[in-house]
Amino acid sequence: KHLIQDLAEDLLGTFRAAPLVDPYAVYQSLMD
């Protein structure tokens, strides 16, 4: 549980800088 929290939060934070791509959609792909 702690592992996925760290991975997911970092992924979301990383892709906030991505153009055109919804960072929350990328986050959801990991959670799915």
PDB file of all heavy atoms in Angstrom:
ATOM      1  N   LYS A   1       0.826  -1.208   0.000  1.00  0.00           N
ATOM      2  CA  LYS A   1       0.000   0.000   0.000  1.00  0.00           C
ATOM      3  C   LYS A   1       0.860   1.257   0.000  1.00  0.00           C
ATOM      4  O   LYS A   1       0.597   2.215  -0.744  1.00  0.00           O
ATOM      5  CB  LYS A   1      -0.917  -0.004   1.224  1.00  0.00           C
ATOM      6  CG  LYS A   1      -1.853   1.190   1.293  1.00  0.00           C
ATOM      7  CD  LYS A   1      -2.754   1.093   2.507  1.00  0.00           C
ATOM      8  CE  LYS A   1      -3.685   2.315   2.586  1.00  0.00           C
ATOM      9  NZ  LYS A   1      -4.581   2.240   3.772  1.00  0.00           N
ATOM     10  N   HIS A   2       1.889   1.270   0.812  1.00  0.00           N
ATOM     11  CA  HIS A   2       2.792   2.428   0.848  1.00  0.00           C
ATOM     12  C   HIS A   2       3.567   2.556  -0.466  1.00  0.00           C
ATOM     13  O   HIS A   2       3.822   3.667  -0.939  1.00  0.00           O
ATOM     14  CB  HIS A   2       3.759   2.308   2.023  1.00  0.00           C
ATOM     15  CG  HIS A   2       3.095   2.412   3.353  1.00  0.00           C
ATOM     16  ND1 HIS A   2       3.624   1.870   4.502  1.00  0.00           N
ATOM     17  CD2 HIS A   2       1.922   2.988   3.712  1.00  0.00           C
ATOM     18  CE1 HIS A   2       2.816   2.115   5.517  1.00  0.00           C
ATOM     19  NE2 HIS A   2       1.778   2.793   5.065  1.00  0.00           N
ATOM     20  N   LEU A   3       3.905   1.421  -1.055  1.00  0.00           N
ATOM     21  CA  LEU A   3       4.641   1.445  -2.320  1.00  0.00           C
ATOM     22  C   LEU A   3       3.820   2.103  -3.414  1.00  0.00           C
ATOM     23  O   LEU A   3       4.312   3.000  -4.111  1.00  0.00           O
ATOM     24  CB  LEU A   3       5.011   0.011  -2.727  1.00  0.00           C
ATOM     25  CG  LEU A   3       5.641  -0.140  -4.119  1.00  0.00           C
ATOM     26  CD1 LEU A   3       7.002   0.542  -4.165  1.00  0.00           C
ATOM     27  CD2 LEU A   3       5.762  -1.618  -4.499  1.00  0.00           C
ATOM     28  N   ILE A   4       2.565   1.693  -3.565  1.00  0.00           N
ATOM     29  CA  ILE A   4       1.752   2.241  -4.656  1.00  0.00           C
ATOM     30  C   ILE A   4       1.454   3.715  -4.416  1.00  0.00           C
ATOM     31  O   ILE A   4       1.351   4.503  -5.368  1.00  0.00           O
ATOM     32  CB  ILE A   4       0.449   1.432  -4.842  1.00  0.00           C
ATOM     33  CG1 ILE A   4      -0.292   1.898  -6.103  1.00  0.00           C
ATOM     34  CG2 ILE A   4      -0.440   1.541  -3.627  1.00  0.00           C
ATOM     35  CD1 ILE A   4       0.512   1.791  -7.383  1.00  0.00           C
ATOM     36  N   GLN A   5       1.329   4.117  -3.168  1.00  0.00           N
ATOM     37  CA  GLN A   5       1.105   5.540  -2.883  1.00  0.00           C
ATOM     38  C   GLN A   5       2.291   6.369  -3.366  1.00  0.00           C
ATOM     39  O   GLN A   5       2.107   7.416  -4.006  1.00  0.00           O
ATOM     40  CB  GLN A   5       0.875   5.750  -1.387  1.00  0.00           C
ATOM     41  CG  GLN A   5      -0.473   5.254  -0.892  1.00  0.00           C
ATOM     42  CD  GLN A   5      -0.631   5.376   0.614  1.00  0.00           C
ATOM     43  OE1 GLN A   5       0.346   5.571   1.342  1.00  0.00           O
ATOM     44  NE2 GLN A   5      -1.864   5.243   1.091  1.00  0.00           N
ATOM     45  N   ASP A   6       3.503   5.899  -3.065  1.00  0.00           N
ATOM     46  CA  ASP A   6       4.699   6.627  -3.498  1.00  0.00           C
ATOM     47  C   ASP A   6       4.796   6.658  -5.024  1.00  0.00           C
ATOM     48  O   ASP A   6       5.070   7.713  -5.619  1.00  0.00           O
ATOM     49  CB  ASP A   6       5.952   5.965  -2.920  1.00  0.00           C
ATOM     50  CG  ASP A   6       6.078   6.171  -1.421  1.00  0.00           C
ATOM     51  OD1 ASP A   6       5.371   7.057  -0.894  1.00  0.00           O
ATOM     52  OD2 ASP A   6       6.863   5.454  -0.791  1.00  0.00           O
ATOM     53  N   LEU A   7       4.580   5.513  -5.654  1.00  0.00           N
ATOM     54  CA  LEU A   7       4.680   5.429  -7.115  1.00  0.00           C
ATOM     55  C   LEU A   7       3.650   6.320  -7.786  1.00  0.00           C
ATOM     56  O   LEU A   7       3.958   7.057  -8.728  1.00  0.00           O
ATOM     57  CB  LEU A   7       4.491   3.977  -7.567  1.00  0.00           C
ATOM     58  CG  LEU A   7       5.507   2.936  -7.100  1.00  0.00           C
ATOM     59  CD1 LEU A   7       5.091   1.555  -7.578  1.00  0.00           C
ATOM     60  CD2 LEU A   7       6.903   3.275  -7.601  1.00  0.00           C
ATOM     61  N   ALA A   8       2.405   6.235  -7.320  1.00  0.00           N
ATOM     62  CA  ALA A   8       1.313   6.955  -7.975  1.00  0.00           C
ATOM     63  C   ALA A   8       1.452   8.461  -7.818  1.00  0.00           C
ATOM     64  O   ALA A   8       1.230   9.225  -8.772  1.00  0.00           O
ATOM     65  CB  ALA A   8      -0.025   6.475  -7.423  1.00  0.00           C
ATOM     66  N   GLU A   9       1.807   8.908  -6.606  1.00  0.00           N
ATOM     67  CA  GLU A   9       1.942  10.351  -6.384  1.00  0.00           C
ATOM     68  C   GLU A   9       3.088  10.923  -7.222  1.00  0.00           C
ATOM     69  O   GLU A   9       2.977  12.024  -7.777  1.00  0.00           O
ATOM     70  CB  GLU A   9       2.170  10.631  -4.904  1.00  0.00           C
ATOM     71  CG  GLU A   9       0.960  10.365  -4.030  1.00  0.00           C
ATOM     72  CD  GLU A   9      -0.250  11.179  -4.448  1.00  0.00           C
ATOM     73  OE1 GLU A   9      -0.078  12.367  -4.806  1.00  0.00           O
ATOM     74  OE2 GLU A   9      -1.365  10.626  -4.427  1.00  0.00           O
ATOM     75  N   ASP A  10       4.174  10.184  -7.326  1.00  0.00           N
ATOM     76  CA  ASP A  10       5.296  10.654  -8.134  1.00  0.00           C
ATOM     77  C   ASP A  10       4.927  10.670  -9.611  1.00  0.00           C
ATOM     78  O   ASP A  10       5.313  11.578 -10.347  1.00  0.00           O
ATOM     79  CB  ASP A  10       6.520   9.769  -7.899  1.00  0.00           C
ATOM     80  CG  ASP A  10       7.784  10.372  -8.483  1.00  0.00           C
ATOM     81  OD1 ASP A  10       7.814  11.590  -8.724  1.00  0.00           O
ATOM     82  OD2 ASP A  10       8.753   9.621  -8.701  1.00  0.00           O
ATOM     83  N   LEU A  11       4.167   9.662 -10.056  1.00  0.00           N
ATOM     84  CA  LEU A  11       3.739   9.626 -11.454  1.00  0.00           C
ATOM     85  C   LEU A  11       2.830  10.806 -11.780  1.00  0.00           C
ATOM     86  O   LEU A  11       2.993  11.469 -12.814  1.00  0.00           O
ATOM     87  CB  LEU A  11       3.006   8.309 -11.739  1.00  0.00           C
ATOM     88  CG  LEU A  11       2.629   8.059 -13.201  1.00  0.00           C
ATOM     89  CD1 LEU A  11       3.866   7.841 -14.056  1.00  0.00           C
ATOM     90  CD2 LEU A  11       1.686   6.862 -13.325  1.00  0.00           C
ATOM     91  N   LEU A  12       1.890  11.081 -10.888  1.00  0.00           N
ATOM     92  CA  LEU A  12       0.990  12.216 -11.091  1.00  0.00           C
ATOM     93  C   LEU A  12       1.764  13.525 -11.108  1.00  0.00           C
ATOM     94  O   LEU A  12       1.544  14.378 -11.983  1.00  0.00           O
ATOM     95  CB  LEU A  12      -0.066  12.236  -9.988  1.00  0.00           C
ATOM     96  CG  LEU A  12      -1.084  13.381 -10.026  1.00  0.00           C
ATOM     97  CD1 LEU A  12      -1.886  13.347 -11.314  1.00  0.00           C
ATOM     98  CD2 LEU A  12      -2.014  13.309  -8.828  1.00  0.00           C
ATOM     99  N   GLY A  13       2.666  13.689 -10.169  1.00  0.00           N
ATOM    100  CA  GLY A  13       3.460  14.908 -10.135  1.00  0.00           C
ATOM    101  C   GLY A  13       4.340  15.067 -11.360  1.00  0.00           C
ATOM    102  O   GLY A  13       4.506  16.174 -11.880  1.00  0.00           O
ATOM    103  N   THR A  14       4.885  13.960 -11.845  1.00  0.00           N
ATOM    104  CA  THR A  14       5.753  14.008 -13.029  1.00  0.00           C
ATOM    105  C   THR A  14       4.979  14.455 -14.261  1.00  0.00           C
ATOM    106  O   THR A  14       5.441  15.309 -15.031  1.00  0.00           O
ATOM    107  CB  THR A  14       6.379  12.622 -13.287  1.00  0.00           C
ATOM    108  OG1 THR A  14       7.187  12.260 -12.165  1.00  0.00           O
ATOM    109  CG2 THR A  14       7.240  12.639 -14.540  1.00  0.00           C
ATOM    110  N   PHE A  15       3.790  13.907 -14.448  1.00  0.00           N
ATOM    111  CA  PHE A  15       3.050  14.180 -15.679  1.00  0.00           C
ATOM    112  C   PHE A  15       2.200  15.442 -15.623  1.00  0.00           C
ATOM    113  O   PHE A  15       1.501  15.749 -16.592  1.00  0.00           O
ATOM    114  CB  PHE A  15       2.209  12.959 -16.061  1.00  0.00           C
ATOM    115  CG  PHE A  15       3.014  11.930 -16.804  1.00  0.00           C
ATOM    116  CD1 PHE A  15       3.715  10.962 -16.114  1.00  0.00           C
ATOM    117  CD2 PHE A  15       3.122  11.975 -18.177  1.00  0.00           C
ATOM    118  CE1 PHE A  15       4.493  10.032 -16.780  1.00  0.00           C
ATOM    119  CE2 PHE A  15       3.900  11.063 -18.858  1.00  0.00           C
ATOM    120  CZ  PHE A  15       4.583  10.088 -18.163  1.00  0.00           C
ATOM    121  N   ARG A  16       2.286  16.174 -14.525  1.00  0.00           N
ATOM    122  CA  ARG A  16       1.678  17.507 -14.534  1.00  0.00           C
ATOM    123  C   ARG A  16       2.414  18.412 -15.514  1.00  0.00           C
ATOM    124  O   ARG A  16       1.853  19.407 -15.986  1.00  0.00           O
ATOM    125  CB  ARG A  16       1.706  18.113 -13.130  1.00  0.00           C
ATOM    126  CG  ARG A  16       0.776  17.438 -12.141  1.00  0.00           C
ATOM    127  CD  ARG A  16       0.729  18.197 -10.824  1.00  0.00           C
ATOM    128  NE  ARG A  16       0.052  17.469  -9.778  1.00  0.00           N
ATOM    129  CZ  ARG A  16      -1.262  17.367  -9.618  1.00  0.00           C
ATOM    130  NH1 ARG A  16      -2.059  17.989 -10.477  1.00  0.00           N
ATOM    131  NH2 ARG A  16      -1.793  16.694  -8.624  1.00  0.00           N
ATOM    132  N   ALA A  17       3.661  18.068 -15.806  1.00  0.00           N
ATOM    133  CA  ALA A  17       4.448  18.867 -16.750  1.00  0.00           C
ATOM    134  C   ALA A  17       4.272  18.401 -18.186  1.00  0.00           C
ATOM    135  O   ALA A  17       4.833  19.005 -19.099  1.00  0.00           O
ATOM    136  CB  ALA A  17       5.927  18.791 -16.368  1.00  0.00           C
ATOM    137  N   ALA A  18       3.498  17.339 -18.406  1.00  0.00           N
ATOM    138  CA  ALA A  18       3.346  16.796 -19.759  1.00  0.00           C
ATOM    139  C   ALA A  18       2.338  17.613 -20.555  1.00  0.00           C
ATOM    140  O   ALA A  18       1.228  17.884 -20.082  1.00  0.00           O
ATOM    141  CB  ALA A  18       2.893  15.338 -19.694  1.00  0.00           C
ATOM    142  N   PRO A  19       2.682  18.025 -21.774  1.00  0.00           N
ATOM    143  CA  PRO A  19       1.728  18.758 -22.599  1.00  0.00           C
ATOM    144  C   PRO A  19       0.661  17.828 -23.161  1.00  0.00           C
ATOM    145  O   PRO A  19       0.940  16.677 -23.512  1.00  0.00           O
ATOM    146  CB  PRO A  19       2.608  19.330 -23.725  1.00  0.00           C
ATOM    147  CG  PRO A  19       3.748  18.368 -23.830  1.00  0.00           C
ATOM    148  CD  PRO A  19       3.989  17.860 -22.436  1.00  0.00           C
ATOM    149  N   LEU A  20      -0.583  18.321 -23.215  1.00  0.00           N
ATOM    150  CA  LEU A  20      -1.717  17.649 -23.859  1.00  0.00           C
ATOM    151  C   LEU A  20      -2.194  16.386 -23.161  1.00  0.00           C
ATOM    152  O   LEU A  20      -3.338  15.965 -23.346  1.00  0.00           O
ATOM    153  CB  LEU A  20      -1.391  17.305 -25.325  1.00  0.00           C
ATOM    154  CG  LEU A  20      -1.036  18.486 -26.228  1.00  0.00           C
ATOM    155  CD1 LEU A  20      -0.678  17.994 -27.630  1.00  0.00           C
ATOM    156  CD2 LEU A  20      -2.181  19.480 -26.294  1.00  0.00           C
ATOM    157  N   VAL A  21      -1.365  15.750 -22.374  1.00  0.00           N
ATOM    158  CA  VAL A  21      -1.733  14.507 -21.696  1.00  0.00           C
ATOM    159  C   VAL A  21      -2.327  14.843 -20.330  1.00  0.00           C
ATOM    160  O   VAL A  21      -1.764  15.641 -19.580  1.00  0.00           O
ATOM    161  CB  VAL A  21      -0.512  13.587 -21.536  1.00  0.00           C
ATOM    162  CG1 VAL A  21      -0.865  12.371 -20.687  1.00  0.00           C
ATOM    163  CG2 VAL A  21      -0.006  13.142 -22.891  1.00  0.00           C
ATOM    164  N   ASP A  22      -3.463  14.241 -20.013  1.00  0.00           N
ATOM    165  CA  ASP A  22      -4.103  14.450 -18.717  1.00  0.00           C
ATOM    166  C   ASP A  22      -3.332  13.671 -17.651  1.00  0.00           C
ATOM    167  O   ASP A  22      -3.299  12.440 -17.680  1.00  0.00           O
ATOM    168  CB  ASP A  22      -5.555  13.961 -18.776  1.00  0.00           C
ATOM    169  CG  ASP A  22      -6.294  14.184 -17.460  1.00  0.00           C
ATOM    170  OD1 ASP A  22      -5.695  14.736 -16.518  1.00  0.00           O
ATOM    171  OD2 ASP A  22      -7.485  13.810 -17.393  1.00  0.00           O
ATOM    172  N   PRO A  23      -2.686  14.349 -16.709  1.00  0.00           N
ATOM    173  CA  PRO A  23      -1.895  13.627 -15.705  1.00  0.00           C
ATOM    174  C   PRO A  23      -2.746  12.691 -14.856  1.00  0.00           C
ATOM    175  O   PRO A  23      -2.270  11.644 -14.406  1.00  0.00           O
ATOM    176  CB  PRO A  23      -1.278  14.744 -14.851  1.00  0.00           C
ATOM    177  CG  PRO A  23      -2.147  15.938 -15.087  1.00  0.00           C
ATOM    178  CD  PRO A  23      -2.642  15.808 -16.480  1.00  0.00           C
ATOM    179  N   TYR A  24      -4.016  13.053 -14.653  1.00  0.00           N
ATOM    180  CA  TYR A  24      -4.885  12.184 -13.864  1.00  0.00           C
ATOM    181  C   TYR A  24      -5.241  10.910 -14.626  1.00  0.00           C
ATOM    182  O   TYR A  24      -5.468   9.854 -14.010  1.00  0.00           O
ATOM    183  CB  TYR A  24      -6.156  12.938 -13.459  1.00  0.00           C
ATOM    184  CG  TYR A  24      -5.899  14.016 -12.434  1.00  0.00           C
ATOM    185  CD1 TYR A  24      -5.760  15.347 -12.818  1.00  0.00           C
ATOM    186  CD2 TYR A  24      -5.771  13.705 -11.085  1.00  0.00           C
ATOM    187  CE1 TYR A  24      -5.519  16.345 -11.881  1.00  0.00           C
ATOM    188  CE2 TYR A  24      -5.520  14.693 -10.135  1.00  0.00           C
ATOM    189  CZ  TYR A  24      -5.396  16.010 -10.539  1.00  0.00           C
ATOM    190  OH  TYR A  24      -5.140  16.990  -9.614  1.00  0.00           O
ATOM    191  N   ALA A  25      -5.299  10.974 -15.957  1.00  0.00           N
ATOM    192  CA  ALA A  25      -5.541   9.769 -16.755  1.00  0.00           C
ATOM    193  C   ALA A  25      -4.337   8.827 -16.671  1.00  0.00           C
ATOM    194  O   ALA A  25      -4.498   7.601 -16.612  1.00  0.00           O
ATOM    195  CB  ALA A  25      -5.826  10.150 -18.204  1.00  0.00           C
ATOM    196  N   VAL A  26      -3.126   9.395 -16.683  1.00  0.00           N
ATOM    197  CA  VAL A  26      -1.916   8.571 -16.523  1.00  0.00           C
ATOM    198  C   VAL A  26      -1.902   7.941 -15.136  1.00  0.00           C
ATOM    199  O   VAL A  26      -1.587   6.749 -14.974  1.00  0.00           O
ATOM    200  CB  VAL A  26      -0.655   9.421 -16.752  1.00  0.00           C
ATOM    201  CG1 VAL A  26       0.595   8.582 -16.545  1.00  0.00           C
ATOM    202  CG2 VAL A  26      -0.664  10.024 -18.157  1.00  0.00           C
ATOM    203  N   TYR A  27      -2.243   8.735 -14.142  1.00  0.00           N
ATOM    204  CA  TYR A  27      -2.347   8.230 -12.771  1.00  0.00           C
ATOM    205  C   TYR A  27      -3.349   7.079 -12.694  1.00  0.00           C
ATOM    206  O   TYR A  27      -3.100   6.045 -12.061  1.00  0.00           O
ATOM    207  CB  TYR A  27      -2.763   9.382 -11.858  1.00  0.00           C
ATOM    208  CG  TYR A  27      -3.184   9.010 -10.458  1.00  0.00           C
ATOM    209  CD1 TYR A  27      -2.250   8.838  -9.454  1.00  0.00           C
ATOM    210  CD2 TYR A  27      -4.536   8.851 -10.148  1.00  0.00           C
ATOM    211  CE1 TYR A  27      -2.641   8.516  -8.161  1.00  0.00           C
ATOM    212  CE2 TYR A  27      -4.937   8.522  -8.861  1.00  0.00           C
ATOM    213  CZ  TYR A  27      -3.994   8.358  -7.872  1.00  0.00           C
ATOM    214  OH  TYR A  27      -4.387   8.024  -6.602  1.00  0.00           O
ATOM    215  N   GLN A  28      -4.496   7.236 -13.380  1.00  0.00           N
ATOM    216  CA  GLN A  28      -5.527   6.200 -13.347  1.00  0.00           C
ATOM    217  C   GLN A  28      -5.052   4.912 -14.013  1.00  0.00           C
ATOM    218  O   GLN A  28      -5.411   3.814 -13.581  1.00  0.00           O
ATOM    219  CB  GLN A  28      -6.798   6.704 -14.044  1.00  0.00           C
ATOM    220  CG  GLN A  28      -7.975   5.746 -13.958  1.00  0.00           C
ATOM    221  CD  GLN A  28      -8.457   5.553 -12.532  1.00  0.00           C
ATOM    222  OE1 GLN A  28      -8.571   6.514 -11.781  1.00  0.00           O
ATOM    223  NE2 GLN A  28      -8.735   4.313 -12.154  1.00  0.00           N
ATOM    224  N   SER A  29      -4.246   5.044 -15.062  1.00  0.00           N
ATOM    225  CA  SER A  29      -3.742   3.847 -15.735  1.00  0.00           C
ATOM    226  C   SER A  29      -2.894   3.006 -14.781  1.00  0.00           C
ATOM    227  O   SER A  29      -2.964   1.771 -14.792  1.00  0.00           O
ATOM    228  CB  SER A  29      -2.932   4.233 -16.976  1.00  0.00           C
ATOM    229  OG  SER A  29      -1.735   4.903 -16.634  1.00  0.00           O
ATOM    230  N   LEU A  30      -2.105   3.673 -13.941  1.00  0.00           N
ATOM    231  CA  LEU A  30      -1.317   2.941 -12.951  1.00  0.00           C
ATOM    232  C   LEU A  30      -2.227   2.295 -11.911  1.00  0.00           C
ATOM    233  O   LEU A  30      -2.048   1.119 -11.558  1.00  0.00           O
ATOM    234  CB  LEU A  30      -0.319   3.882 -12.270  1.00  0.00           C
ATOM    235  CG  LEU A  30       0.433   3.302 -11.058  1.00  0.00           C
ATOM    236  CD1 LEU A  30       1.210   2.047 -11.440  1.00  0.00           C
ATOM    237  CD2 LEU A  30       1.379   4.351 -10.457  1.00  0.00           C
ATOM    238  N   MET A  31      -3.222   3.033 -11.434  1.00  0.00           N
ATOM    239  CA  MET A  31      -4.114   2.496 -10.409  1.00  0.00           C
ATOM    240  C   MET A  31      -4.944   1.332 -10.954  1.00  0.00           C
ATOM    241  O   MET A  31      -5.213   0.360 -10.234  1.00  0.00           O
ATOM    242  CB  MET A  31      -5.026   3.594  -9.870  1.00  0.00           C
ATOM    243  CG  MET A  31      -4.272   4.750  -9.209  1.00  0.00           C
ATOM    244  SD  MET A  31      -3.088   4.234  -7.936  1.00  0.00           S
ATOM    245  CE  MET A  31      -4.170   3.484  -6.737  1.00  0.00           C
ATOM    246  N   ASP A  32      -5.364   1.426 -12.217  1.00  0.00           N
ATOM    247  CA  ASP A  32      -6.108   0.318 -12.831  1.00  0.00           C
ATOM    248  C   ASP A  32      -5.241  -0.929 -12.920  1.00  0.00           C
ATOM    249  O   ASP A  32      -5.690  -2.046 -12.626  1.00  0.00           O
ATOM    250  CB  ASP A  32      -6.599   0.713 -14.224  1.00  0.00           C
ATOM    251  CG  ASP A  32      -7.760   1.690 -14.177  1.00  0.00           C
ATOM    252  OD1 ASP A  32      -8.381   1.817 -13.110  1.00  0.00           O
ATOM    253  OD2 ASP A  32      -8.036   2.322 -15.218  1.00  0.00           O
TER     254      ASP A  32
END
